[in-house]
Amino acid sequence: MFFDVLQLKCEEKEKNQLKVDEINRLEDALSNNIDKTSDYYMKRVTKPFHKRWDDATMALDRYRNEDYPFIKPDDCFLIKCFKKAIVAN
C-alpha cells in the first residue's frame, strides 16, 4: 500500500516538475516587473516551496534508485514519514 503510493508519487513527479518550472518562469518574469518589497515577499513564499520540492524530488529519486535515505532533522514531516517507512521495510 505505502509503496504503491510512493510509486504513484514518482510517476507524478515529472508532471509536477513541469508545473514547478512554470512557477519558476513566472517568478522570474514577475521579479523584473514588481517593486522590491513585493519581490521580497514573493520570494519569502517561493523559496521554502522550492526547498520542499527539491527535498521531495531528491527523496523520490533515492527511492526510485533504491538508495534508502537517512532521516535528517530539517526534513519536512512528509519526507520524514516516507524515509521512516522506507528504512523500516
Protein backbone atom coordinates (compact mmCIF):
# COMPACT_ATOMS: atom_id res chain seq x y z
CA MET A 1 0.00 0.00 0.00
CA PHE A 2 2.57 2.57 1.11
CA PHE A 3 4.97 1.64 -1.66
CA ASP A 4 2.13 1.91 -4.19
CA VAL A 5 1.61 5.50 -3.05
CA LEU A 6 5.34 6.20 -3.36
CA GLN A 7 5.38 4.69 -6.83
CA LEU A 8 2.44 6.90 -7.82
CA LYS A 9 4.27 9.96 -6.45
CA CYS A 10 7.33 9.03 -8.51
CA GLU A 11 5.17 8.83 -11.62
CA GLU A 12 3.51 12.18 -10.85
CA LYS A 13 6.87 13.85 -10.25
CA GLU A 14 7.53 14.51 -13.94
CA LYS A 15 4.11 16.12 -14.45
CA ASN A 16 4.54 18.23 -11.32
CA GLN A 17 8.05 19.25 -12.37
CA LEU A 18 6.51 20.98 -15.39
CA LYS A 19 4.29 22.98 -13.03
CA VAL A 20 7.26 23.89 -10.83
CA ASP A 21 9.17 25.03 -13.93
CA GLU A 22 6.21 27.24 -14.84
CA ILE A 23 6.23 28.73 -11.31
CA ASN A 24 9.95 29.46 -11.72
CA ARG A 25 9.37 31.11 -15.09
CA LEU A 26 6.55 33.28 -13.72
CA GLU A 27 8.58 34.19 -10.66
CA ASP A 28 11.48 35.35 -12.85
CA ALA A 29 9.14 37.34 -15.11
CA LEU A 30 7.42 38.99 -12.14
CA SER A 31 10.66 39.82 -10.35
CA ASN A 32 11.62 42.15 -13.17
CA ASN A 33 8.26 43.95 -13.16
CA ILE A 34 7.39 44.48 -9.48
CA ASP A 35 8.79 46.65 -6.73
CA LYS A 36 11.47 45.31 -4.36
CA THR A 37 9.10 44.93 -1.41
CA SER A 38 6.68 42.79 -3.41
CA ASP A 39 9.59 40.79 -4.81
CA TYR A 40 10.87 40.18 -1.27
CA TYR A 41 7.51 38.85 -0.08
CA MET A 42 7.05 36.73 -3.19
CA LYS A 43 10.43 35.11 -2.57
CA ARG A 44 9.50 34.53 1.09
CA VAL A 45 6.78 32.22 -0.25
CA THR A 46 8.58 30.66 -3.19
CA LYS A 47 11.95 29.95 -1.54
CA PRO A 48 10.54 27.49 1.06
CA PHE A 49 8.36 25.97 -1.67
CA HIS A 50 11.41 25.33 -3.84
CA LYS A 51 13.32 23.81 -0.91
CA ARG A 52 10.42 21.44 -0.11
CA TRP A 53 10.11 20.50 -3.79
CA ASP A 54 13.86 19.84 -4.05
CA ASP A 55 13.81 17.73 -0.89
CA ALA A 56 10.78 15.76 -2.05
CA THR A 57 12.19 15.08 -5.51
CA MET A 58 15.53 14.03 -4.04
CA ALA A 59 13.77 11.59 -1.70
CA LEU A 60 11.63 10.20 -4.52
CA ASP A 61 14.71 9.81 -6.73
CA ARG A 62 16.50 7.96 -3.95
CA TYR A 63 13.51 5.67 -3.53
CA ARG A 64 13.42 5.03 -7.25
CA ASN A 65 17.15 4.20 -7.25
CA GLU A 66 16.78 2.03 -4.11
CA ASP A 67 19.20 4.27 -2.20
CA TYR A 68 17.38 4.36 1.14
CA PRO A 69 17.83 7.83 2.65
CA PHE A 70 18.67 8.75 6.20
CA ILE A 71 16.31 10.96 8.18
CA LYS A 72 17.65 14.48 8.74
CA PRO A 73 16.37 16.85 11.43
CA ASP A 74 15.48 19.55 8.88
CA ASP A 75 13.39 17.24 6.68
CA CYS A 76 9.72 18.16 6.38
CA PHE A 77 7.15 15.93 8.11
CA LEU A 78 6.05 14.14 4.94
CA ILE A 79 9.62 13.33 3.90
CA LYS A 80 10.40 12.05 7.41
CA CYS A 81 7.38 9.73 7.18
CA PHE A 82 8.49 8.49 3.74
CA LYS A 83 12.03 7.87 4.96
CA LYS A 84 10.89 6.09 8.14
CA ALA A 85 8.64 3.81 6.15
CA ILE A 86 11.37 3.04 3.61
CA VAL A 87 14.00 2.34 6.24
CA ALA A 88 11.58 0.23 8.33
CA ASN A 89 10.79 -2.01 5.37
